[in-house]
All heavy atoms as atom14 arrays in JSON, in Angstrom:
{
  "sequence": "LIVPAYVDGENADMLERKTLRRGEGLTGWALENGRTVV",
  "atom14_mask": [
    [1, 1, 1, 1, 1, 1, 1, 1, 0, 0, 0, 0, 0, 0],
    [1, 1, 1, 1, 1, 1, 1, 1, 0, 0, 0, 0, 0, 0],
    [1, 1, 1, 1, 1, 1, 1, 0, 0, 0, 0, 0, 0, 0],
    [1, 1, 1, 1, 1, 1, 1, 0, 0, 0, 0, 0, 0, 0],
    [1, 1, 1, 1, 1, 0, 0, 0, 0, 0, 0, 0, 0, 0],
    [1, 1, 1, 1, 1, 1, 1, 1, 1, 1, 1, 1, 0, 0],
    [1, 1, 1, 1, 1, 1, 1, 0, 0, 0, 0, 0, 0, 0],
    [1, 1, 1, 1, 1, 1, 1, 1, 0, 0, 0, 0, 0, 0],
    [1, 1, 1, 1, 0, 0, 0, 0, 0, 0, 0, 0, 0, 0],
    [1, 1, 1, 1, 1, 1, 1, 1, 1, 0, 0, 0, 0, 0],
    [1, 1, 1, 1, 1, 1, 1, 1, 0, 0, 0, 0, 0, 0],
    [1, 1, 1, 1, 1, 0, 0, 0, 0, 0, 0, 0, 0, 0],
    [1, 1, 1, 1, 1, 1, 1, 1, 0, 0, 0, 0, 0, 0],
    [1, 1, 1, 1, 1, 1, 1, 1, 0, 0, 0, 0, 0, 0],
    [1, 1, 1, 1, 1, 1, 1, 1, 0, 0, 0, 0, 0, 0],
    [1, 1, 1, 1, 1, 1, 1, 1, 1, 0, 0, 0, 0, 0],
    [1, 1, 1, 1, 1, 1, 1, 1, 1, 1, 1, 0, 0, 0],
    [1, 1, 1, 1, 1, 1, 1, 1, 1, 0, 0, 0, 0, 0],
    [1, 1, 1, 1, 1, 1, 1, 0, 0, 0, 0, 0, 0, 0],
    [1, 1, 1, 1, 1, 1, 1, 1, 0, 0, 0, 0, 0, 0],
    [1, 1, 1, 1, 1, 1, 1, 1, 1, 1, 1, 0, 0, 0],
    [1, 1, 1, 1, 1, 1, 1, 1, 1, 1, 1, 0, 0, 0],
    [1, 1, 1, 1, 0, 0, 0, 0, 0, 0, 0, 0, 0, 0],
    [1, 1, 1, 1, 1, 1, 1, 1, 1, 0, 0, 0, 0, 0],
    [1, 1, 1, 1, 0, 0, 0, 0, 0, 0, 0, 0, 0, 0],
    [1, 1, 1, 1, 1, 1, 1, 1, 0, 0, 0, 0, 0, 0],
    [1, 1, 1, 1, 1, 1, 1, 0, 0, 0, 0, 0, 0, 0],
    [1, 1, 1, 1, 0, 0, 0, 0, 0, 0, 0, 0, 0, 0],
    [1, 1, 1, 1, 1, 1, 1, 1, 1, 1, 1, 1, 1, 1],
    [1, 1, 1, 1, 1, 0, 0, 0, 0, 0, 0, 0, 0, 0],
    [1, 1, 1, 1, 1, 1, 1, 1, 0, 0, 0, 0, 0, 0],
    [1, 1, 1, 1, 1, 1, 1, 1, 1, 0, 0, 0, 0, 0],
    [1, 1, 1, 1, 1, 1, 1, 1, 0, 0, 0, 0, 0, 0],
    [1, 1, 1, 1, 0, 0, 0, 0, 0, 0, 0, 0, 0, 0],
    [1, 1, 1, 1, 1, 1, 1, 1, 1, 1, 1, 0, 0, 0],
    [1, 1, 1, 1, 1, 1, 1, 0, 0, 0, 0, 0, 0, 0],
    [1, 1, 1, 1, 1, 1, 1, 0, 0, 0, 0, 0, 0, 0],
    [1, 1, 1, 1, 1, 1, 1, 0, 0, 0, 0, 0, 0, 0]
  ],
  "atom14_positions": [
    [[4.59, 6.78, 7.43], [4.59, 6.22, 6.09], [3.78, 4.98, 6.17], [3.54, 4.35, 7.24], [5.97, 5.9, 5.58], [6.86, 7.06, 5.26], [8.28, 6.59, 4.9], [6.43, 7.92, 4.15], [0.0, 0.0, 0.0], [0.0, 0.0, 0.0], [0.0, 0.0, 0.0], [0.0, 0.0, 0.0], [0.0, 0.0, 0.0], [0.0, 0.0, 0.0]],
    [[3.21, 4.55, 5.04], [2.5, 3.25, 4.88], [3.58, 2.24, 4.4], [4.08, 2.46, 3.33], [1.29, 3.33, 3.96], [0.43, 4.45, 4.41], [0.55, 2.05, 3.93], [-0.77, 4.84, 3.35], [0.0, 0.0, 0.0], [0.0, 0.0, 0.0], [0.0, 0.0, 0.0], [0.0, 0.0, 0.0], [0.0, 0.0, 0.0], [0.0, 0.0, 0.0]],
    [[3.95, 1.23, 5.13], [4.95, 0.46, 4.8], [4.49, -1.05, 4.63], [3.59, -1.48, 5.33], [6.19, 0.36, 5.79], [6.72, 1.82, 5.88], [5.66, -0.07, 7.24], [0.0, 0.0, 0.0], [0.0, 0.0, 0.0], [0.0, 0.0, 0.0], [0.0, 0.0, 0.0], [0.0, 0.0, 0.0], [0.0, 0.0, 0.0], [0.0, 0.0, 0.0]],
    [[5.11, -1.81, 3.77], [4.67, -3.2, 3.48], [5.14, -4.05, 4.67], [6.38, -4.07, 4.99], [5.35, -3.61, 2.17], [6.38, -2.65, 1.99], [6.19, -1.44, 2.79], [0.0, 0.0, 0.0], [0.0, 0.0, 0.0], [0.0, 0.0, 0.0], [0.0, 0.0, 0.0], [0.0, 0.0, 0.0], [0.0, 0.0, 0.0], [0.0, 0.0, 0.0]],
    [[4.16, -4.85, 5.34], [4.58, -5.65, 6.44], [4.71, -7.11, 5.97], [5.41, -7.86, 6.52], [3.55, -5.54, 7.52], [0.0, 0.0, 0.0], [0.0, 0.0, 0.0], [0.0, 0.0, 0.0], [0.0, 0.0, 0.0], [0.0, 0.0, 0.0], [0.0, 0.0, 0.0], [0.0, 0.0, 0.0], [0.0, 0.0, 0.0], [0.0, 0.0, 0.0]],
    [[3.93, -7.52, 4.95], [4.01, -8.75, 4.36], [3.56, -8.68, 2.85], [2.52, -8.1, 2.59], [3.25, -9.85, 5.1], [3.31, -11.16, 4.53], [4.48, -11.96, 4.78], [2.35, -11.76, 3.75], [4.51, -13.31, 4.27], [2.43, -13.0, 3.16], [3.52, -13.72, 3.45], [3.7, -15.02, 2.95], [0.0, 0.0, 0.0], [0.0, 0.0, 0.0]],
    [[4.29, -9.46, 1.93], [4.0, -9.41, 0.5], [3.91, -10.9, 0.13], [4.9, -11.64, 0.34], [4.96, -8.6, -0.27], [4.48, -8.66, -1.84], [5.11, -7.21, 0.19], [0.0, 0.0, 0.0], [0.0, 0.0, 0.0], [0.0, 0.0, 0.0], [0.0, 0.0, 0.0], [0.0, 0.0, 0.0], [0.0, 0.0, 0.0], [0.0, 0.0, 0.0]],
    [[2.92, -11.3, -0.71], [2.91, -12.61, -1.28], [2.52, -12.56, -2.72], [1.59, -11.92, -3.14], [1.88, -13.46, -0.41], [1.69, -14.8, -1.07], [2.67, -15.63, -0.88], [0.7, -15.18, -1.56], [0.0, 0.0, 0.0], [0.0, 0.0, 0.0], [0.0, 0.0, 0.0], [0.0, 0.0, 0.0], [0.0, 0.0, 0.0], [0.0, 0.0, 0.0]],
    [[3.33, -13.24, -3.55], [2.96, -13.24, -4.99], [4.08, -12.67, -5.87], [5.14, -12.47, -5.52], [0.0, 0.0, 0.0], [0.0, 0.0, 0.0], [0.0, 0.0, 0.0], [0.0, 0.0, 0.0], [0.0, 0.0, 0.0], [0.0, 0.0, 0.0], [0.0, 0.0, 0.0], [0.0, 0.0, 0.0], [0.0, 0.0, 0.0], [0.0, 0.0, 0.0]],
    [[3.62, -12.27, -7.06], [4.59, -11.6, -8.05], [5.06, -10.29, -7.54], [4.41, -9.44, -6.83], [3.75, -11.32, -9.34], [3.16, -12.67, -9.97], [2.48, -12.26, -11.29], [2.53, -11.1, -11.7], [1.8, -13.23, -11.87], [0.0, 0.0, 0.0], [0.0, 0.0, 0.0], [0.0, 0.0, 0.0], [0.0, 0.0, 0.0], [0.0, 0.0, 0.0]],
    [[6.26, -10.05, -7.96], [6.99, -8.78, -7.73], [7.11, -8.49, -6.17], [7.26, -7.36, -5.66], [6.36, -7.52, -8.21], [6.1, -7.74, -9.75], [7.04, -8.01, -10.54], [4.84, -7.58, -10.31], [0.0, 0.0, 0.0], [0.0, 0.0, 0.0], [0.0, 0.0, 0.0], [0.0, 0.0, 0.0], [0.0, 0.0, 0.0], [0.0, 0.0, 0.0]],
    [[7.28, -9.49, -5.47], [7.43, -9.35, -3.85], [8.67, -8.57, -3.5], [8.57, -7.88, -2.57], [7.35, -10.81, -3.27], [0.0, 0.0, 0.0], [0.0, 0.0, 0.0], [0.0, 0.0, 0.0], [0.0, 0.0, 0.0], [0.0, 0.0, 0.0], [0.0, 0.0, 0.0], [0.0, 0.0, 0.0], [0.0, 0.0, 0.0], [0.0, 0.0, 0.0]],
    [[9.67, -8.88, -4.18], [11.0, -8.29, -3.9], [10.92, -6.71, -4.0], [11.44, -5.88, -3.14], [12.08, -8.83, -4.81], [12.63, -10.18, -4.48], [12.14, -10.64, -3.38], [13.25, -10.72, -5.35], [0.0, 0.0, 0.0], [0.0, 0.0, 0.0], [0.0, 0.0, 0.0], [0.0, 0.0, 0.0], [0.0, 0.0, 0.0], [0.0, 0.0, 0.0]],
    [[10.33, -6.28, -5.05], [10.17, -4.85, -5.31], [9.11, -4.23, -4.31], [9.36, -3.18, -3.6], [9.69, -4.53, -6.68], [9.56, -3.08, -7.0], [7.99, -2.29, -6.49], [6.85, -3.02, -7.76], [0.0, 0.0, 0.0], [0.0, 0.0, 0.0], [0.0, 0.0, 0.0], [0.0, 0.0, 0.0], [0.0, 0.0, 0.0], [0.0, 0.0, 0.0]],
    [[8.0, -4.87, -4.05], [6.98, -4.39, -3.18], [7.41, -4.3, -1.67], [6.92, -3.44, -1.07], [5.69, -5.15, -3.39], [4.85, -4.87, -4.61], [3.96, -5.98, -5.02], [4.21, -3.5, -4.59], [0.0, 0.0, 0.0], [0.0, 0.0, 0.0], [0.0, 0.0, 0.0], [0.0, 0.0, 0.0], [0.0, 0.0, 0.0], [0.0, 0.0, 0.0]],
    [[8.32, -5.31, -1.31], [8.71, -5.24, 0.1], [9.51, -3.94, 0.38], [9.67, -3.63, 1.62], [9.66, -6.42, 0.36], [8.84, -7.73, 0.38], [9.68, -8.97, 0.48], [10.94, -8.86, 0.32], [9.15, -10.12, 0.72], [0.0, 0.0, 0.0], [0.0, 0.0, 0.0], [0.0, 0.0, 0.0], [0.0, 0.0, 0.0], [0.0, 0.0, 0.0]],
    [[10.01, -3.3, -0.62], [10.81, -1.99, -0.31], [9.98, -0.76, -0.61], [10.55, 0.34, -0.41], [12.13, -1.91, -1.31], [12.98, -3.22, -1.14], [14.27, -3.03, -1.92], [13.99, -2.96, -3.32], [14.0, -3.98, -4.12], [14.08, -5.13, -3.67], [13.81, -3.73, -5.44], [0.0, 0.0, 0.0], [0.0, 0.0, 0.0], [0.0, 0.0, 0.0]],
    [[8.69, -0.94, -0.92], [7.9, 0.14, -1.3], [7.23, 0.83, -0.08], [6.87, 0.3, 0.86], [6.82, -0.35, -2.24], [5.77, 0.82, -2.87], [4.88, 0.17, -3.72], [3.99, 1.15, -4.34], [4.72, 2.28, -4.95], [0.0, 0.0, 0.0], [0.0, 0.0, 0.0], [0.0, 0.0, 0.0], [0.0, 0.0, 0.0], [0.0, 0.0, 0.0]],
    [[7.1, 2.19, -0.21], [6.38, 2.88, 0.89], [5.44, 3.84, 0.22], [5.6, 4.34, -1.03], [7.26, 3.69, 1.83], [8.16, 4.68, 1.04], [8.25, 2.68, 2.5], [0.0, 0.0, 0.0], [0.0, 0.0, 0.0], [0.0, 0.0, 0.0], [0.0, 0.0, 0.0], [0.0, 0.0, 0.0], [0.0, 0.0, 0.0], [0.0, 0.0, 0.0]],
    [[4.5, 4.26, 0.93], [3.39, 5.27, 0.44], [3.13, 6.24, 1.59], [3.32, 5.87, 2.75], [2.09, 4.56, -0.06], [2.21, 3.64, -1.31], [1.04, 2.65, -1.2], [2.24, 4.47, -2.5], [0.0, 0.0, 0.0], [0.0, 0.0, 0.0], [0.0, 0.0, 0.0], [0.0, 0.0, 0.0], [0.0, 0.0, 0.0], [0.0, 0.0, 0.0]],
    [[2.56, 7.3, 1.24], [2.08, 8.23, 2.27], [0.58, 8.27, 2.26], [-0.12, 7.81, 1.39], [2.46, 9.71, 1.86], [4.03, 9.83, 1.85], [4.38, 11.34, 1.66], [5.9, 11.34, 1.59], [6.64, 11.54, 2.58], [6.12, 11.44, 3.8], [8.01, 11.51, 2.51], [0.0, 0.0, 0.0], [0.0, 0.0, 0.0], [0.0, 0.0, 0.0]],
    [[0.08, 8.66, 3.48], [-1.48, 8.7, 3.6], [-2.06, 9.68, 2.54], [-1.53, 10.67, 2.28], [-1.82, 9.24, 4.91], [-1.49, 8.29, 6.0], [-1.98, 8.8, 7.36], [-3.4, 8.95, 7.57], [-4.02, 9.07, 8.72], [-3.46, 8.93, 9.85], [-5.34, 9.25, 8.82], [0.0, 0.0, 0.0], [0.0, 0.0, 0.0], [0.0, 0.0, 0.0]],
    [[-3.12, 9.06, 1.82], [-3.72, 9.8, 0.76], [-3.02, 9.5, -0.55], [-3.68, 10.03, -1.6], [0.0, 0.0, 0.0], [0.0, 0.0, 0.0], [0.0, 0.0, 0.0], [0.0, 0.0, 0.0], [0.0, 0.0, 0.0], [0.0, 0.0, 0.0], [0.0, 0.0, 0.0], [0.0, 0.0, 0.0], [0.0, 0.0, 0.0], [0.0, 0.0, 0.0]],
    [[-1.92, 8.91, -0.63], [-1.24, 8.69, -1.85], [-1.7, 7.33, -2.53], [-1.56, 6.28, -1.82], [0.29, 8.75, -1.56], [1.15, 8.54, -2.86], [2.63, 8.57, -2.45], [3.06, 7.92, -1.54], [3.39, 9.2, -3.26], [0.0, 0.0, 0.0], [0.0, 0.0, 0.0], [0.0, 0.0, 0.0], [0.0, 0.0, 0.0], [0.0, 0.0, 0.0]],
    [[-2.02, 7.28, -3.8], [-2.33, 6.17, -4.5], [-3.64, 5.48, -3.96], [-4.32, 6.08, -3.12], [0.0, 0.0, 0.0], [0.0, 0.0, 0.0], [0.0, 0.0, 0.0], [0.0, 0.0, 0.0], [0.0, 0.0, 0.0], [0.0, 0.0, 0.0], [0.0, 0.0, 0.0], [0.0, 0.0, 0.0], [0.0, 0.0, 0.0], [0.0, 0.0, 0.0]],
    [[-3.94, 4.4, -4.52], [-5.04, 3.61, -4.07], [-5.05, 3.31, -2.64], [-6.01, 3.36, -1.81], [-5.34, 2.36, -4.96], [-5.5, 2.55, -6.38], [-5.58, 1.13, -6.97], [-6.84, 3.3, -6.73], [0.0, 0.0, 0.0], [0.0, 0.0, 0.0], [0.0, 0.0, 0.0], [0.0, 0.0, 0.0], [0.0, 0.0, 0.0], [0.0, 0.0, 0.0]],
    [[-3.88, 2.82, -2.24], [-3.67, 2.27, -0.85], [-3.81, 3.44, 0.12], [-4.38, 3.43, 1.12], [-2.36, 1.55, -0.69], [-2.48, 0.33, -1.49], [-2.03, 1.2, 0.76], [0.0, 0.0, 0.0], [0.0, 0.0, 0.0], [0.0, 0.0, 0.0], [0.0, 0.0, 0.0], [0.0, 0.0, 0.0], [0.0, 0.0, 0.0], [0.0, 0.0, 0.0]],
    [[-3.04, 4.51, -0.2], [-3.08, 5.73, 0.65], [-4.52, 6.37, 0.86], [-4.94, 6.89, 1.83], [0.0, 0.0, 0.0], [0.0, 0.0, 0.0], [0.0, 0.0, 0.0], [0.0, 0.0, 0.0], [0.0, 0.0, 0.0], [0.0, 0.0, 0.0], [0.0, 0.0, 0.0], [0.0, 0.0, 0.0], [0.0, 0.0, 0.0], [0.0, 0.0, 0.0]],
    [[-5.23, 6.25, -0.29], [-6.62, 6.86, -0.41], [-7.53, 6.01, 0.53], [-8.31, 6.55, 1.23], [-7.2, 7.02, -1.81], [-8.37, 7.7, -1.85], [-8.64, 9.05, -2.15], [-9.77, 7.14, -1.67], [-10.03, 9.34, -2.09], [-10.77, 8.13, -1.87], [-10.18, 5.95, -1.46], [-12.08, 7.95, -1.77], [-11.59, 5.65, -1.29], [-12.49, 6.8, -1.49]],
    [[-7.45, 4.72, 0.43], [-8.29, 3.81, 1.18], [-8.08, 3.98, 2.63], [-8.91, 4.02, 3.42], [-8.11, 2.42, 0.72], [0.0, 0.0, 0.0], [0.0, 0.0, 0.0], [0.0, 0.0, 0.0], [0.0, 0.0, 0.0], [0.0, 0.0, 0.0], [0.0, 0.0, 0.0], [0.0, 0.0, 0.0], [0.0, 0.0, 0.0], [0.0, 0.0, 0.0]],
    [[-6.74, 4.16, 3.01], [-6.45, 4.27, 4.46], [-6.93, 5.59, 4.9], [-7.5, 5.67, 6.02], [-4.85, 4.19, 4.59], [-4.36, 4.42, 6.02], [-4.7, 3.22, 6.8], [-2.9, 4.73, 5.96], [0.0, 0.0, 0.0], [0.0, 0.0, 0.0], [0.0, 0.0, 0.0], [0.0, 0.0, 0.0], [0.0, 0.0, 0.0], [0.0, 0.0, 0.0]],
    [[-6.69, 6.66, 4.14], [-7.2, 7.96, 4.59], [-8.65, 8.16, 4.74], [-9.13, 8.75, 5.68], [-6.54, 9.05, 3.65], [-6.85, 10.51, 4.03], [-5.96, 10.95, 5.21], [-4.96, 10.22, 5.61], [-6.22, 12.01, 5.77], [0.0, 0.0, 0.0], [0.0, 0.0, 0.0], [0.0, 0.0, 0.0], [0.0, 0.0, 0.0], [0.0, 0.0, 0.0]],
    [[-9.24, 7.47, 3.83], [-10.78, 7.7, 3.8], [-11.57, 6.57, 4.43], [-12.9, 6.63, 4.57], [-11.26, 7.93, 2.31], [-10.78, 9.22, 1.68], [-11.36, 10.19, 1.94], [-9.67, 9.21, 1.06], [0.0, 0.0, 0.0], [0.0, 0.0, 0.0], [0.0, 0.0, 0.0], [0.0, 0.0, 0.0], [0.0, 0.0, 0.0], [0.0, 0.0, 0.0]],
    [[-10.96, 5.4, 4.8], [-11.68, 4.34, 5.37], [-12.66, 3.72, 4.46], [-13.74, 3.06, 5.08], [0.0, 0.0, 0.0], [0.0, 0.0, 0.0], [0.0, 0.0, 0.0], [0.0, 0.0, 0.0], [0.0, 0.0, 0.0], [0.0, 0.0, 0.0], [0.0, 0.0, 0.0], [0.0, 0.0, 0.0], [0.0, 0.0, 0.0], [0.0, 0.0, 0.0]],
    [[-12.37, 3.62, 3.25], [-13.31, 2.98, 2.33], [-12.58, 2.0, 1.43], [-11.42, 2.17, 1.07], [-13.98, 4.19, 1.43], [-14.9, 5.01, 2.26], [-15.37, 6.13, 1.35], [-16.04, 5.71, 0.08], [-16.4, 6.52, -0.87], [-16.23, 7.75, -0.74], [-16.99, 6.09, -1.94], [0.0, 0.0, 0.0], [0.0, 0.0, 0.0], [0.0, 0.0, 0.0]],
    [[-13.28, 0.87, 1.03], [-12.75, -0.19, 0.19], [-12.8, 0.37, -1.27], [-13.73, 1.05, -1.74], [-13.53, -1.38, 0.32], [-13.48, -1.89, 1.63], [-13.05, -2.41, -0.64], [0.0, 0.0, 0.0], [0.0, 0.0, 0.0], [0.0, 0.0, 0.0], [0.0, 0.0, 0.0], [0.0, 0.0, 0.0], [0.0, 0.0, 0.0], [0.0, 0.0, 0.0]],
    [[-11.72, 0.09, -1.92], [-11.64, 0.45, -3.48], [-11.52, -0.91, -4.3], [-10.83, -1.77, -3.92], [-10.44, 1.28, -3.66], [-10.34, 1.66, -5.19], [-10.36, 2.51, -2.83], [0.0, 0.0, 0.0], [0.0, 0.0, 0.0], [0.0, 0.0, 0.0], [0.0, 0.0, 0.0], [0.0, 0.0, 0.0], [0.0, 0.0, 0.0], [0.0, 0.0, 0.0]],
    [[-12.34, -1.08, -5.28], [-12.32, -2.26, -6.11], [-12.22, -1.89, -7.56], [-13.06, -1.07, -8.07], [-13.65, -3.1, -5.9], [-13.71, -4.32, -6.79], [-13.62, -3.59, -4.39], [0.0, 0.0, 0.0], [0.0, 0.0, 0.0], [0.0, 0.0, 0.0], [0.0, 0.0, 0.0], [0.0, 0.0, 0.0], [0.0, 0.0, 0.0], [0.0, 0.0, 0.0]]
  ]
}
C-alpha cells in the first residue's frame, strides 16, 4: 500500500489515516508511471 509518512496542513488528521494502492488516484498513478502530475 501507499501510506502517508508525513502530512502538513489542512485535513492532516484524515490524511494521516489514508492509504492508496499502486495505480489508484493521482498519487497511485504518479507512483506507478514515474511521472509528475500537475
